[in-house]
């Protein structure tokens, strides 16, 4: 191992400095909480990981879609990209706004 390599423990604490960053679970919970608080038009907010992390916001009123997309684009300083619309699985009267999440 090179002399300047940094080793992190399993709880994301740097043993040399004792500094710690939020765990992945804490980061994801913060993202969900922020989205639920700031985008009240969404009836359901979910995260999905299939090789990449995506957020899905399910909306019942179609006229709210542009507002949800605009709010999502403004949140997180560019954390949400590739915003798209689609249908909500098993909910024919709902609309889904999805985006790629970059942490």
PDB file of N, CA and C in Angstrom:
ATOM      1  N   UNK A   1       0.847  -1.168   0.000  1.00  0.00           N
ATOM      2  CA  UNK A   1       0.000   0.000   0.000  1.00  0.00           C
ATOM      3  C   UNK A   1       0.898   1.238   0.000  1.00  0.00           C
ATOM      4  N   UNK A   2       0.612   2.234  -0.855  1.00  0.00           N
ATOM      5  CA  UNK A   2       1.413   3.447  -0.872  1.00  0.00           C
ATOM      6  C   UNK A   2       1.354   4.171   0.470  1.00  0.00           C
ATOM      7  N   UNK A   3       2.399   4.923   0.763  1.00  0.00           N
ATOM      8  CA  UNK A   3       2.471   5.627   2.041  1.00  0.00           C
ATOM      9  C   UNK A   3       1.360   6.649   2.225  1.00  0.00           C
ATOM     10  N   UNK A   4       0.896   7.257   1.129  1.00  0.00           N
ATOM     11  CA  UNK A   4      -0.103   8.314   1.261  1.00  0.00           C
ATOM     12  C   UNK A   4      -1.539   7.795   1.150  1.00  0.00           C
ATOM     13  N   UNK A   5      -1.730   6.489   1.117  1.00  0.00           N
ATOM     14  CA  UNK A   5      -3.083   5.927   0.997  1.00  0.00           C
ATOM     15  C   UNK A   5      -3.860   6.189   2.280  1.00  0.00           C
ATOM     16  N   UNK A   6      -5.102   6.559   2.136  1.00  0.00           N
ATOM     17  CA  UNK A   6      -5.969   6.793   3.279  1.00  0.00           C
ATOM     18  C   UNK A   6      -6.838   5.568   3.484  1.00  0.00           C
ATOM     19  N   UNK A   7      -6.907   5.114   4.712  1.00  0.00           N
ATOM     20  CA  UNK A   7      -7.711   3.950   5.044  1.00  0.00           C
ATOM     21  C   UNK A   7      -8.929   4.431   5.822  1.00  0.00           C
ATOM     22  N   UNK A   8     -10.101   3.955   5.425  1.00  0.00           N
ATOM     23  CA  UNK A   8     -11.333   4.305   6.123  1.00  0.00           C
ATOM     24  C   UNK A   8     -11.900   3.059   6.783  1.00  0.00           C
ATOM     25  N   UNK A   9     -12.446   3.244   7.960  1.00  0.00           N
ATOM     26  CA  UNK A   9     -13.073   2.116   8.640  1.00  0.00           C
ATOM     27  C   UNK A   9     -14.463   1.892   8.061  1.00  0.00           C
ATOM     28  N   UNK A  10     -15.079   0.825   8.472  1.00  0.00           N
ATOM     29  CA  UNK A  10     -16.381   0.470   7.915  1.00  0.00           C
ATOM     30  C   UNK A  10     -17.456   1.503   8.256  1.00  0.00           C
ATOM     31  N   UNK A  11     -17.286   2.266   9.327  1.00  0.00           N
ATOM     32  CA  UNK A  11     -18.281   3.282   9.679  1.00  0.00           C
ATOM     33  C   UNK A  11     -17.951   4.643   9.068  1.00  0.00           C
ATOM     34  N   UNK A  12     -17.104   4.683   8.056  1.00  0.00           N
ATOM     35  CA  UNK A  12     -16.692   5.867   7.289  1.00  0.00           C
ATOM     36  C   UNK A  12     -15.914   6.883   8.117  1.00  0.00           C
ATOM     37  N   UNK A  13     -15.234   6.419   9.161  1.00  0.00           N
ATOM     38  CA  UNK A  13     -14.383   7.293   9.957  1.00  0.00           C
ATOM     39  C   UNK A  13     -12.948   7.144   9.491  1.00  0.00           C
ATOM     40  N   UNK A  14     -12.282   8.253   9.279  1.00  0.00           N
ATOM     41  CA  UNK A  14     -10.876   8.242   8.918  1.00  0.00           C
ATOM     42  C   UNK A  14     -10.077   8.038  10.202  1.00  0.00           C
ATOM     43  N   UNK A  15      -9.348   6.921  10.341  1.00  0.00           N
ATOM     44  CA  UNK A  15      -8.641   6.654  11.591  1.00  0.00           C
ATOM     45  C   UNK A  15      -7.537   7.659  11.894  1.00  0.00           C
ATOM     46  N   UNK A  16      -6.985   8.320  10.876  1.00  0.00           N
ATOM     47  CA  UNK A  16      -5.912   9.289  11.115  1.00  0.00           C
ATOM     48  C   UNK A  16      -6.436  10.582  11.723  1.00  0.00           C
ATOM     49  N   UNK A  17      -7.568  11.061  11.230  1.00  0.00           N
ATOM     50  CA  UNK A  17      -8.067  12.358  11.683  1.00  0.00           C
ATOM     51  C   UNK A  17      -9.275  12.239  12.597  1.00  0.00           C
ATOM     52  N   UNK A  18      -9.923  11.084  12.608  1.00  0.00           N
ATOM     53  CA  UNK A  18     -11.109  10.918  13.430  1.00  0.00           C
ATOM     54  C   UNK A  18     -12.337  11.582  12.825  1.00  0.00           C
ATOM     55  N   UNK A  19     -12.192  12.162  11.628  1.00  0.00           N
ATOM     56  CA  UNK A  19     -13.341  12.834  11.018  1.00  0.00           C
ATOM     57  C   UNK A  19     -14.307  11.797  10.471  1.00  0.00           C
ATOM     58  N   UNK A  20     -15.534  12.176  10.411  1.00  0.00           N
ATOM     59  CA  UNK A  20     -16.556  11.267   9.916  1.00  0.00           C
ATOM     60  C   UNK A  20     -17.479  12.023   8.984  1.00  0.00           C
ATOM     61  N   UNK A  21     -17.953  11.341   7.958  1.00  0.00           N
ATOM     62  CA  UNK A  21     -18.936  11.933   7.064  1.00  0.00           C
ATOM     63  C   UNK A  21     -20.237  11.171   7.282  1.00  0.00           C
ATOM     64  N   UNK A  22     -21.364  11.755   6.870  1.00  0.00           N
ATOM     65  CA  UNK A  22     -22.641  11.054   7.072  1.00  0.00           C
ATOM     66  C   UNK A  22     -22.652   9.709   6.345  1.00  0.00           C
ATOM     67  N   UNK A  23     -23.294   8.747   6.957  1.00  0.00           N
ATOM     68  CA  UNK A  23     -23.398   7.434   6.324  1.00  0.00           C
ATOM     69  C   UNK A  23     -24.298   7.537   5.096  1.00  0.00           C
ATOM     70  N   UNK A  24     -24.232   6.535   4.246  1.00  0.00           N
ATOM     71  CA  UNK A  24     -25.061   6.513   3.046  1.00  0.00           C
ATOM     72  C   UNK A  24     -26.540   6.542   3.420  1.00  0.00           C
ATOM     73  N   UNK A  25     -26.902   5.800   4.448  1.00  0.00           N
ATOM     74  CA  UNK A  25     -28.290   5.779   4.904  1.00  0.00           C
ATOM     75  C   UNK A  25     -28.745   7.172   5.336  1.00  0.00           C
ATOM     76  N   UNK A  26     -27.898   7.885   6.053  1.00  0.00           N
ATOM     77  CA  UNK A  26     -28.231   9.248   6.485  1.00  0.00           C
ATOM     78  C   UNK A  26     -28.371  10.184   5.293  1.00  0.00           C
ATOM     79  N   UNK A  27     -27.500  10.050   4.297  1.00  0.00           N
ATOM     80  CA  UNK A  27     -27.578  10.892   3.106  1.00  0.00           C
ATOM     81  C   UNK A  27     -28.871  10.640   2.336  1.00  0.00           C
ATOM     82  N   UNK A  28     -29.225   9.367   2.147  1.00  0.00           N
ATOM     83  CA  UNK A  28     -30.443   9.030   1.415  1.00  0.00           C
ATOM     84  C   UNK A  28     -31.689   9.477   2.175  1.00  0.00           C
ATOM     85  N   UNK A  29     -31.689   9.323   3.490  1.00  0.00           N
ATOM     86  CA  UNK A  29     -32.820   9.783   4.302  1.00  0.00           C
ATOM     87  C   UNK A  29     -32.979  11.292   4.213  1.00  0.00           C
ATOM     88  N   UNK A  30     -31.866  12.010   4.190  1.00  0.00           N
ATOM     89  CA  UNK A  30     -31.916  13.466   4.065  1.00  0.00           C
ATOM     90  C   UNK A  30     -32.477  13.883   2.709  1.00  0.00           C
ATOM     91  N   UNK A  31     -32.090  13.178   1.649  1.00  0.00           N
ATOM     92  CA  UNK A  31     -32.606  13.480   0.308  1.00  0.00           C
ATOM     93  C   UNK A  31     -34.116  13.265   0.270  1.00  0.00           C
ATOM     94  N   UNK A  32     -34.584  12.121   0.773  1.00  0.00           N
ATOM     95  CA  UNK A  32     -36.020  11.832   0.788  1.00  0.00           C
ATOM     96  C   UNK A  32     -36.788  12.857   1.613  1.00  0.00           C
ATOM     97  N   UNK A  33     -36.282  13.182   2.778  1.00  0.00           N
ATOM     98  CA  UNK A  33     -36.943  14.164   3.636  1.00  0.00           C
ATOM     99  C   UNK A  33     -37.037  15.529   2.984  1.00  0.00           C
ATOM    100  N   UNK A  34     -35.965  15.946   2.337  1.00  0.00           N
ATOM    101  CA  UNK A  34     -35.942  17.240   1.659  1.00  0.00           C
ATOM    102  C   UNK A  34     -36.940  17.271   0.504  1.00  0.00           C
ATOM    103  N   UNK A  35     -36.979  16.205  -0.281  1.00  0.00           N
ATOM    104  CA  UNK A  35     -37.918  16.148  -1.405  1.00  0.00           C
ATOM    105  C   UNK A  35     -39.363  16.153  -0.920  1.00  0.00           C
ATOM    106  N   UNK A  36     -39.661  15.387   0.108  1.00  0.00           N
ATOM    107  CA  UNK A  36     -41.037  15.336   0.634  1.00  0.00           C
ATOM    108  C   UNK A  36     -41.465  16.686   1.194  1.00  0.00           C
ATOM    109  N   UNK A  37     -40.534  17.386   1.809  1.00  0.00           N
ATOM    110  CA  UNK A  37     -40.840  18.693   2.393  1.00  0.00           C
ATOM    111  C   UNK A  37     -41.032  19.761   1.323  1.00  0.00           C
ATOM    112  N   UNK A  38     -40.187  19.779   0.323  1.00  0.00           N
ATOM    113  CA  UNK A  38     -40.191  20.867  -0.662  1.00  0.00           C
ATOM    114  C   UNK A  38     -41.102  20.636  -1.861  1.00  0.00           C
ATOM    115  N   UNK A  39     -41.456  19.391  -2.138  1.00  0.00           N
ATOM    116  CA  UNK A  39     -42.325  19.110  -3.284  1.00  0.00           C
ATOM    117  C   UNK A  39     -43.598  18.458  -2.752  1.00  0.00           C
ATOM    118  N   UNK A  40     -44.477  19.299  -2.218  1.00  0.00           N
ATOM    119  CA  UNK A  40     -45.721  18.822  -1.609  1.00  0.00           C
ATOM    120  C   UNK A  40     -46.685  18.250  -2.647  1.00  0.00           C
ATOM    121  N   UNK A  41     -46.501  18.592  -3.916  1.00  0.00           N
ATOM    122  CA  UNK A  41     -47.384  18.096  -4.979  1.00  0.00           C
ATOM    123  C   UNK A  41     -47.209  16.597  -5.225  1.00  0.00           C
ATOM    124  N   UNK A  42     -46.092  16.043  -4.802  1.00  0.00           N
ATOM    125  CA  UNK A  42     -45.825  14.610  -5.001  1.00  0.00           C
ATOM    126  C   UNK A  42     -46.551  13.801  -3.927  1.00  0.00           C
ATOM    127  N   UNK A  43     -47.319  12.819  -4.373  1.00  0.00           N
ATOM    128  CA  UNK A  43     -48.032  11.951  -3.437  1.00  0.00           C
ATOM    129  C   UNK A  43     -47.116  10.882  -2.852  1.00  0.00           C
ATOM    130  N   UNK A  44     -46.089  10.511  -3.595  1.00  0.00           N
ATOM    131  CA  UNK A  44     -45.155   9.485  -3.140  1.00  0.00           C
ATOM    132  C   UNK A  44     -43.771   9.797  -3.699  1.00  0.00           C
ATOM    133  N   UNK A  45     -42.754   9.634  -2.867  1.00  0.00           N
ATOM    134  CA  UNK A  45     -41.364   9.853  -3.284  1.00  0.00           C
ATOM    135  C   UNK A  45     -40.588   8.587  -2.940  1.00  0.00           C
ATOM    136  N   UNK A  46     -39.926   8.004  -3.948  1.00  0.00           N
ATOM    137  CA  UNK A  46     -39.163   6.777  -3.718  1.00  0.00           C
ATOM    138  C   UNK A  46     -37.795   6.876  -4.380  1.00  0.00           C
ATOM    139  N   UNK A  47     -36.862   6.120  -3.833  1.00  0.00           N
ATOM    140  CA  UNK A  47     -35.540   5.982  -4.428  1.00  0.00           C
ATOM    141  C   UNK A  47     -35.411   4.556  -4.948  1.00  0.00           C
ATOM    142  N   UNK A  48     -34.711   4.411  -6.073  1.00  0.00           N
ATOM    143  CA  UNK A  48     -34.507   3.097  -6.674  1.00  0.00           C
ATOM    144  C   UNK A  48     -33.065   3.019  -7.174  1.00  0.00           C
ATOM    145  N   UNK A  49     -32.422   1.895  -6.895  1.00  0.00           N
ATOM    146  CA  UNK A  49     -31.062   1.694  -7.379  1.00  0.00           C
ATOM    147  C   UNK A  49     -31.022   0.465  -8.269  1.00  0.00           C
ATOM    148  N   UNK A  50     -30.720   0.692  -9.532  1.00  0.00           N
ATOM    149  CA  UNK A  50     -30.487  -0.386 -10.500  1.00  0.00           C
ATOM    150  C   UNK A  50     -29.265   0.014 -11.309  1.00  0.00           C
ATOM    151  N   UNK A  51     -28.109  -0.081 -10.675  1.00  0.00           N
ATOM    152  CA  UNK A  51     -26.876   0.353 -11.317  1.00  0.00           C
ATOM    153  C   UNK A  51     -26.623   1.836 -11.125  1.00  0.00           C
ATOM    154  N   UNK A  52     -27.683   2.622 -11.078  1.00  0.00           N
ATOM    155  CA  UNK A  52     -27.628   4.062 -10.818  1.00  0.00           C
ATOM    156  C   UNK A  52     -28.787   4.403  -9.895  1.00  0.00           C
ATOM    157  N   UNK A  53     -28.620   5.463  -9.117  1.00  0.00           N
ATOM    158  CA  UNK A  53     -29.652   5.880  -8.173  1.00  0.00           C
ATOM    159  C   UNK A  53     -30.636   6.820  -8.862  1.00  0.00           C
ATOM    160  N   UNK A  54     -31.921   6.480  -8.788  1.00  0.00           N
ATOM    161  CA  UNK A  54     -32.978   7.310  -9.357  1.00  0.00           C
ATOM    162  C   UNK A  54     -33.982   7.672  -8.270  1.00  0.00           C
ATOM    163  N   UNK A  55     -34.593   8.840  -8.417  1.00  0.00           N
ATOM    164  CA  UNK A  55     -35.701   9.241  -7.561  1.00  0.00           C
ATOM    165  C   UNK A  55     -36.957   9.250  -8.419  1.00  0.00           C
ATOM    166  N   UNK A  56     -38.074   8.817  -7.835  1.00  0.00           N
ATOM    167  CA  UNK A  56     -39.361   8.811  -8.521  1.00  0.00           C
ATOM    168  C   UNK A  56     -40.351   9.595  -7.671  1.00  0.00           C
ATOM    169  N   UNK A  57     -41.021  10.554  -8.291  1.00  0.00           N
ATOM    170  CA  UNK A  57     -42.056  11.329  -7.624  1.00  0.00           C
ATOM    171  C   UNK A  57     -43.371  11.057  -8.343  1.00  0.00           C
ATOM    172  N   UNK A  58     -44.333  10.484  -7.635  1.00  0.00           N
ATOM    173  CA  UNK A  58     -45.626  10.164  -8.221  1.00  0.00           C
ATOM    174  C   UNK A  58     -46.604  11.296  -7.928  1.00  0.00           C
ATOM    175  N   UNK A  59     -47.275  11.750  -8.980  1.00  0.00           N
ATOM    176  CA  UNK A  59     -48.158  12.912  -8.909  1.00  0.00           C
ATOM    177  C   UNK A  59     -49.509  12.524  -9.497  1.00  0.00           C
ATOM    178  N   UNK A  60     -50.595  12.871  -8.816  1.00  0.00           N
ATOM    179  CA  UNK A  60     -51.927  12.539  -9.330  1.00  0.00           C
ATOM    180  C   UNK A  60     -52.417  13.550 -10.355  1.00  0.00           C
ATOM    181  N   UNK A  61     -52.162  14.818 -10.130  1.00  0.00           N
ATOM    182  CA  UNK A  61     -52.673  15.858 -11.025  1.00  0.00           C
ATOM    183  C   UNK A  61     -51.657  16.153 -12.124  1.00  0.00           C
ATOM    184  N   UNK A  62     -52.052  15.927 -13.358  1.00  0.00           N
ATOM    185  CA  UNK A  62     -51.166  16.150 -14.495  1.00  0.00           C
ATOM    186  C   UNK A  62     -50.702  17.586 -14.624  1.00  0.00           C
ATOM    187  N   UNK A  63     -51.538  18.534 -14.184  1.00  0.00           N
ATOM    188  CA  UNK A  63     -51.150  19.945 -14.278  1.00  0.00           C
ATOM    189  C   UNK A  63     -50.030  20.310 -13.309  1.00  0.00           C
ATOM    190  N   UNK A  64     -49.740  19.446 -12.335  1.00  0.00           N
ATOM    191  CA  UNK A  64     -48.638  19.692 -11.394  1.00  0.00           C
ATOM    192  C   UNK A  64     -47.287  19.226 -11.934  1.00  0.00           C
ATOM    193  N   UNK A  65     -47.270  18.473 -13.022  1.00  0.00           N
ATOM    194  CA  UNK A  65     -46.015  17.919 -13.546  1.00  0.00           C
ATOM    195  C   UNK A  65     -44.967  18.983 -13.863  1.00  0.00           C
ATOM    196  N   UNK A  66     -45.298  20.070 -14.592  1.00  0.00           N
ATOM    197  CA  UNK A  66     -44.260  21.079 -14.869  1.00  0.00           C
ATOM    198  C   UNK A  66     -43.698  21.714 -13.600  1.00  0.00           C
ATOM    199  N   UNK A  67     -44.555  21.922 -12.597  1.00  0.00           N
ATOM    200  CA  UNK A  67     -44.101  22.507 -11.337  1.00  0.00           C
ATOM    201  C   UNK A  67     -43.152  21.550 -10.609  1.00  0.00           C
ATOM    202  N   UNK A  68     -43.502  20.279 -10.569  1.00  0.00           N
ATOM    203  CA  UNK A  68     -42.651  19.276  -9.913  1.00  0.00           C
ATOM    204  C   UNK A  68     -41.303  19.183 -10.623  1.00  0.00           C
ATOM    205  N   UNK A  69     -41.321  19.175 -11.953  1.00  0.00           N
ATOM    206  CA  UNK A  69     -40.067  19.119 -12.718  1.00  0.00           C
ATOM    207  C   UNK A  69     -39.199  20.344 -12.445  1.00  0.00           C
ATOM    208  N   UNK A  70     -39.816  21.521 -12.393  1.00  0.00           N
ATOM    209  CA  UNK A  70     -39.058  22.755 -12.142  1.00  0.00           C
ATOM    210  C   UNK A  70     -38.457  22.758 -10.738  1.00  0.00           C
ATOM    211  N   UNK A  71     -39.243  22.351  -9.750  1.00  0.00           N
ATOM    212  CA  UNK A  71     -38.728  22.302  -8.375  1.00  0.00           C
ATOM    213  C   UNK A  71     -37.577  21.303  -8.260  1.00  0.00           C
ATOM    214  N   UNK A  72     -37.731  20.153  -8.892  1.00  0.00           N
ATOM    215  CA  UNK A  72     -36.694  19.119  -8.832  1.00  0.00           C
ATOM    216  C   UNK A  72     -35.396  19.607  -9.466  1.00  0.00           C
ATOM    217  N   UNK A  73     -35.511  20.324 -10.571  1.00  0.00           N
ATOM    218  CA  UNK A  73     -34.318  20.843 -11.252  1.00  0.00           C
ATOM    219  C   UNK A  73     -33.581  21.874 -10.397  1.00  0.00           C
ATOM    220  N   UNK A  74     -34.318  22.607  -9.549  1.00  0.00           N
ATOM    221  CA  UNK A  74     -33.706  23.652  -8.722  1.00  0.00           C
ATOM    222  C   UNK A  74     -33.105  23.127  -7.421  1.00  0.00           C
ATOM    223  N   UNK A  75     -33.488  21.940  -7.009  1.00  0.00           N
ATOM    224  CA  UNK A  75     -33.014  21.398  -5.731  1.00  0.00           C
ATOM    225  C   UNK A  75     -31.631  20.767  -5.844  1.00  0.00           C
ATOM    226  N   UNK A  76     -30.916  20.774  -4.750  1.00  0.00           N
ATOM    227  CA  UNK A  76     -29.693  19.998  -4.624  1.00  0.00           C
ATOM    228  C   UNK A  76     -28.511  20.442  -5.457  1.00  0.00           C
ATOM    229  N   UNK A  77     -28.518  21.672  -5.945  1.00  0.00           N
ATOM    230  CA  UNK A  77     -27.377  22.212  -6.704  1.00  0.00           C
ATOM    231  C   UNK A  77     -26.922  21.256  -7.800  1.00  0.00           C
ATOM    232  N   UNK A  78     -27.865  20.802  -8.623  1.00  0.00           N
ATOM    233  CA  UNK A  78     -27.523  19.914  -9.731  1.00  0.00           C
ATOM    234  C   UNK A  78     -27.469  18.447  -9.373  1.00  0.00           C
ATOM    235  N   UNK A  79     -27.945  18.095  -8.192  1.00  0.00           N
ATOM    236  CA  UNK A  79     -27.937  16.701  -7.756  1.00  0.00           C
ATOM    237  C   UNK A  79     -28.866  15.840  -8.613  1.00  0.00           C
ATOM    238  N   UNK A  80     -29.931  16.452  -9.143  1.00  0.00           N
ATOM    239  CA  UNK A  80     -30.918  15.723  -9.928  1.00  0.00           C
ATOM    240  C   UNK A  80     -30.779  16.093 -11.398  1.00  0.00           C
ATOM    241  N   UNK A  81     -30.565  15.092 -12.241  1.00  0.00           N
ATOM    242  CA  UNK A  81     -30.408  15.332 -13.677  1.00  0.00           C
ATOM    243  C   UNK A  81     -31.232  14.304 -14.448  1.00  0.00           C
ATOM    244  N   UNK A  82     -31.271  14.458 -15.748  1.00  0.00           N
ATOM    245  CA  UNK A  82     -32.021  13.564 -16.630  1.00  0.00           C
ATOM    246  C   UNK A  82     -33.463  13.401 -16.152  1.00  0.00           C
ATOM    247  N   UNK A  83     -34.112  14.525 -15.894  1.00  0.00           N
ATOM    248  CA  UNK A  83     -35.494  14.526 -15.416  1.00  0.00           C
ATOM    249  C   UNK A  83     -36.417  14.113 -16.558  1.00  0.00           C
ATOM    250  N   UNK A  84     -37.300  13.161 -16.267  1.00  0.00           N
ATOM    251  CA  UNK A  84     -38.206  12.661 -17.306  1.00  0.00           C
ATOM    252  C   UNK A  84     -39.571  12.330 -16.709  1.00  0.00           C
ATOM    253  N   UNK A  85     -40.557  12.218 -17.597  1.00  0.00           N
ATOM    254  CA  UNK A  85     -41.915  11.848 -17.199  1.00  0.00           C
ATOM    255  C   UNK A  85     -42.212  10.434 -17.656  1.00  0.00           C
ATOM    256  N   UNK A  86     -43.094   9.782 -16.936  1.00  0.00           N
ATOM    257  CA  UNK A  86     -43.514   8.444 -17.332  1.00  0.00           C
ATOM    258  C   UNK A  86     -44.765   8.045 -16.580  1.00  0.00           C
ATOM    259  N   UNK A  87     -45.178   6.826 -16.767  1.00  0.00           N
ATOM    260  CA  UNK A  87     -46.358   6.330 -16.062  1.00  0.00           C
ATOM    261  C   UNK A  87     -45.928   5.679 -14.749  1.00  0.00           C
ATOM    262  N   UNK A  88     -46.860   5.641 -13.818  1.00  0.00           N
ATOM    263  CA  UNK A  88     -46.605   5.028 -12.528  1.00  0.00           C
ATOM    264  C   UNK A  88     -47.061   3.574 -12.578  1.00  0.00           C
ATOM    265  N   UNK A  89     -46.182   2.621 -12.295  1.00  0.00           N
ATOM    266  CA  UNK A  89     -46.574   1.209 -12.340  1.00  0.00           C
ATOM    267  C   UNK A  89     -47.754   0.917 -11.404  1.00  0.00           C
ATOM    268  N   UNK A  90     -48.741   0.206 -11.918  1.00  0.00           N
ATOM    269  CA  UNK A  90     -49.917  -0.225 -11.158  1.00  0.00           C
ATOM    270  C   UNK A  90     -50.807   0.911 -10.664  1.00  0.00           C
ATOM    271  N   UNK A  91     -50.597   2.129 -11.164  1.00  0.00           N
ATOM    272  CA  UNK A  91     -51.434   3.274 -10.802  1.00  0.00           C
ATOM    273  C   UNK A  91     -51.760   4.044 -12.078  1.00  0.00           C
ATOM    274  N   UNK A  92     -52.800   3.631 -12.804  1.00  0.00           N
ATOM    275  CA  UNK A  92     -53.064   4.216 -14.123  1.00  0.00           C
ATOM    276  C   UNK A  92     -53.422   5.697 -14.109  1.00  0.00           C
ATOM    277  N   UNK A  93     -53.852   6.242 -12.971  1.00  0.00           N
ATOM    278  CA  UNK A  93     -54.247   7.643 -12.937  1.00  0.00           C
ATOM    279  C   UNK A  93     -53.176   8.539 -12.322  1.00  0.00           C
ATOM    280  N   UNK A  94     -51.993   8.011 -12.097  1.00  0.00           N
ATOM    281  CA  UNK A  94     -50.880   8.798 -11.565  1.00  0.00           C
ATOM    282  C   UNK A  94     -49.835   9.014 -12.647  1.00  0.00           C
ATOM    283  N   UNK A  95     -49.039  10.034 -12.449  1.00  0.00           N
ATOM    284  CA  UNK A  95     -47.944  10.366 -13.355  1.00  0.00           C
ATOM    285  C   UNK A  95     -46.657  10.291 -12.545  1.00  0.00           C
ATOM    286  N   UNK A  96     -45.560   9.961 -13.201  1.00  0.00           N
ATOM    287  CA  UNK A  96     -44.283   9.833 -12.507  1.00  0.00           C
ATOM    288  C   UNK A  96     -43.248  10.757 -13.121  1.00  0.00           C
ATOM    289  N   UNK A  97     -42.565  11.490 -12.251  1.00  0.00           N
ATOM    290  CA  UNK A  97     -41.402  12.281 -12.640  1.00  0.00           C
ATOM    291  C   UNK A  97     -40.198  11.561 -12.045  1.00  0.00           C
ATOM    292  N   UNK A  98     -39.225  11.237 -12.887  1.00  0.00           N
ATOM    293  CA  UNK A  98     -38.031  10.514 -12.436  1.00  0.00           C
ATOM    294  C   UNK A  98     -36.787  11.324 -12.762  1.00  0.00           C
ATOM    295  N   UNK A  99     -35.739  11.112 -11.979  1.00  0.00           N
ATOM    296  CA  UNK A  99     -34.471  11.798 -12.224  1.00  0.00           C
ATOM    297  C   UNK A  99     -33.322  10.943 -11.713  1.00  0.00           C
ATOM    298  N   UNK A 100     -32.182  11.118 -12.336  1.00  0.00           N
ATOM    299  CA  UNK A 100     -30.946  10.489 -11.893  1.00  0.00           C
ATOM    300  C   UNK A 100     -30.408  11.303 -10.721  1.00  0.00           C
ATOM    301  N   UNK A 101     -29.972  10.624  -9.661  1.00  0.00           N
ATOM    302  CA  UNK A 101     -29.454  11.294  -8.470  1.00  0.00           C
ATOM    303  C   UNK A 101     -27.946  11.109  -8.426  1.00  0.00           C
ATOM    304  N   UNK A 102     -27.217  12.215  -8.284  1.00  0.00           N
ATOM    305  CA  UNK A 102     -25.768  12.177  -8.141  1.00  0.00           C
ATOM    306  C   UNK A 102     -25.413  12.744  -6.773  1.00  0.00           C
ATOM    307  N   UNK A 103     -24.842  11.898  -5.916  1.00  0.00           N
ATOM    308  CA  UNK A 103     -24.487  12.334  -4.550  1.00  0.00           C
ATOM    309  C   UNK A 103     -23.041  12.757  -4.538  1.00  0.00           C
TER     310      UNK A 103
END
